[in-house]
C-alpha cells in the first residue's frame, strides 16, 4: 500500500496486506466526514519506518483496520486509525499509533505511544 493516496472508501484484501513506505489517506476536503475501512482477511504488517498520514481534512478516528488474524506495526512506524484484530496486535519498538488497538487475545507494546484521535 505504500506510495498510494486513497480516497475514503472500503478496501478489501483477500489475504494479507503490507505497508512499506507512506500511505496517504486523502479526505478530499469534506470536513472530516470521509471514512476508510480496510478489511484484511489475514495479517497486516508494516515495514520499519512506514507511515499512514491524513491529508485534506481526513481524520484518524474515521479509519478502521479490520484484521482477520494478527497485526504487526514495524519499528518506527507512524500509524493512523483503529486496529481491530481477531487475535493479536504487536507494536514493535517506537511504533506509534493515533487511534485504538483492539485485539481478542493480546496487544503487545515496546516503547510505544498510542493517542486517541481527536473527535473533531
Protein backbone atom coordinates (compact mmCIF):
# COMPACT_ATOMS: atom_id res chain seq x y z
CA UNK A 1 0.00 0.00 0.00
CA UNK A 2 2.99 2.29 0.34
CA UNK A 3 3.27 5.16 -2.12
CA UNK A 4 -0.50 5.36 -2.66
CA UNK A 5 -3.06 8.05 -1.97
CA UNK A 6 -6.53 6.71 -1.19
CA UNK A 7 -9.90 8.45 -1.06
CA UNK A 8 -12.50 7.44 1.54
CA UNK A 9 -14.00 4.01 0.84
CA UNK A 10 -13.86 0.30 1.58
CA UNK A 11 -10.68 -1.57 0.63
CA UNK A 12 -10.64 -5.37 0.83
CA UNK A 13 -7.69 -7.77 0.83
CA UNK A 14 -8.41 -11.47 0.32
CA UNK A 15 -5.25 -12.49 2.19
CA UNK A 16 -2.62 -10.35 3.93
CA UNK A 17 -1.75 -6.67 3.50
CA UNK A 18 1.65 -4.99 3.78
CA UNK A 19 2.61 -1.37 4.12
CA UNK A 20 6.07 -0.30 3.04
CA UNK A 21 6.67 3.44 2.94
CA UNK A 22 3.95 6.07 3.18
CA UNK A 23 0.20 5.69 2.66
CA UNK A 24 -1.78 8.94 2.33
CA UNK A 25 -5.48 8.98 3.19
CA UNK A 26 -6.98 11.97 1.39
CA UNK A 27 -10.16 13.36 2.94
CA UNK A 28 -10.89 15.44 -0.15
CA UNK A 29 -11.69 18.49 1.98
CA UNK A 30 -15.04 17.04 3.10
CA UNK A 31 -14.79 18.47 6.59
CA UNK A 32 -13.58 15.27 8.21
CA UNK A 33 -16.57 13.17 7.14
CA UNK A 34 -14.67 10.67 4.97
CA UNK A 35 -14.42 7.09 6.28
CA UNK A 36 -11.85 4.45 5.31
CA UNK A 37 -12.45 0.77 6.03
CA UNK A 38 -9.69 -1.75 5.36
CA UNK A 39 -10.87 -5.37 5.51
CA UNK A 40 -7.89 -7.71 5.63
CA UNK A 41 -8.62 -11.45 5.63
CA UNK A 42 -5.34 -12.49 7.27
CA UNK A 43 -2.47 -10.33 8.58
CA UNK A 44 -1.48 -6.67 8.46
CA UNK A 45 2.26 -5.94 8.58
CA UNK A 46 4.11 -2.64 8.27
CA UNK A 47 7.78 -2.27 7.40
CA UNK A 48 10.21 -0.28 9.53
CA UNK A 49 9.51 3.47 9.47
CA UNK A 50 6.33 3.15 7.41
CA UNK A 51 3.54 5.67 7.89
CA UNK A 52 -0.13 6.36 7.38
CA UNK A 53 -0.82 10.08 7.08
CA UNK A 54 -4.02 12.07 6.74
CA UNK A 55 -4.49 14.92 4.28
CA UNK A 56 -7.19 17.38 3.21
CA UNK A 57 -9.41 17.02 6.25
CA UNK A 58 -9.08 13.28 6.85
CA UNK A 59 -9.39 12.11 10.46
CA UNK A 60 -7.61 9.17 12.07
CA UNK A 61 -10.76 8.37 14.05
CA UNK A 62 -12.55 7.60 10.76
CA UNK A 63 -10.07 4.90 9.72
CA UNK A 64 -10.80 1.25 10.56
CA UNK A 65 -8.43 -1.68 10.02
CA UNK A 66 -10.35 -4.95 10.37
CA UNK A 67 -7.71 -7.69 10.54
CA UNK A 68 -8.62 -11.39 10.26
CA UNK A 69 -5.75 -12.61 12.42
CA UNK A 70 -2.76 -10.52 13.62
CA UNK A 71 -1.40 -7.02 13.02
CA UNK A 72 2.28 -6.09 13.40
CA UNK A 73 3.48 -2.50 13.30
CA UNK A 74 7.17 -2.36 12.40
CA UNK A 75 9.83 -0.43 14.30
CA UNK A 76 9.36 3.33 13.99
CA UNK A 77 6.02 3.08 12.19
CA UNK A 78 3.66 6.07 12.50
CA UNK A 79 0.17 4.61 12.07
CA UNK A 80 -3.31 6.13 11.99
CA UNK A 81 -6.67 4.54 12.64
CA UNK A 82 -8.46 1.97 14.75
CA UNK A 83 -6.99 -1.53 14.50
CA UNK A 84 -9.46 -4.33 15.25
CA UNK A 85 -7.57 -7.64 15.12
CA UNK A 86 -9.08 -11.07 15.62
CA UNK A 87 -6.10 -12.45 17.54
CA UNK A 88 -3.29 -10.01 18.37
CA UNK A 89 -1.55 -6.71 17.71
CA UNK A 90 2.21 -6.30 18.11
CA UNK A 91 3.73 -2.83 18.15
CA UNK A 92 7.49 -3.06 17.70
CA UNK A 93 9.90 -0.54 19.25
CA UNK A 94 8.89 3.11 18.75
CA UNK A 95 5.85 2.29 16.60
CA UNK A 96 3.24 4.94 17.35
CA UNK A 97 -0.50 4.95 16.81
CA UNK A 98 -3.05 7.72 16.55
CA UNK A 99 -6.15 5.61 17.08
CA UNK A 100 -7.04 2.49 19.01
CA UNK A 101 -5.56 -1.03 19.22
CA UNK A 102 -8.19 -3.68 19.98
CA UNK A 103 -7.46 -7.41 19.84
CA UNK A 104 -9.16 -10.53 21.19
CA UNK A 105 -6.03 -12.11 22.69
CA UNK A 106 -3.25 -9.56 23.21
CA UNK A 107 -1.79 -6.17 22.40
CA UNK A 108 1.99 -6.26 22.83
CA UNK A 109 3.87 -2.97 23.09
CA UNK A 110 7.54 -1.92 23.27
CA UNK A 111 8.23 1.78 23.94
CA UNK A 112 5.14 2.94 22.03
CA UNK A 113 2.72 5.85 22.17
CA UNK A 114 -0.97 5.46 21.50
CA UNK A 115 -3.12 8.57 21.30
CA UNK A 116 -6.87 8.52 20.88
CA UNK A 117 -7.59 10.55 17.76
CA UNK A 118 -9.25 13.92 18.30
CA UNK A 119 -13.03 13.84 17.96
CA UNK A 120 -13.06 16.98 15.79
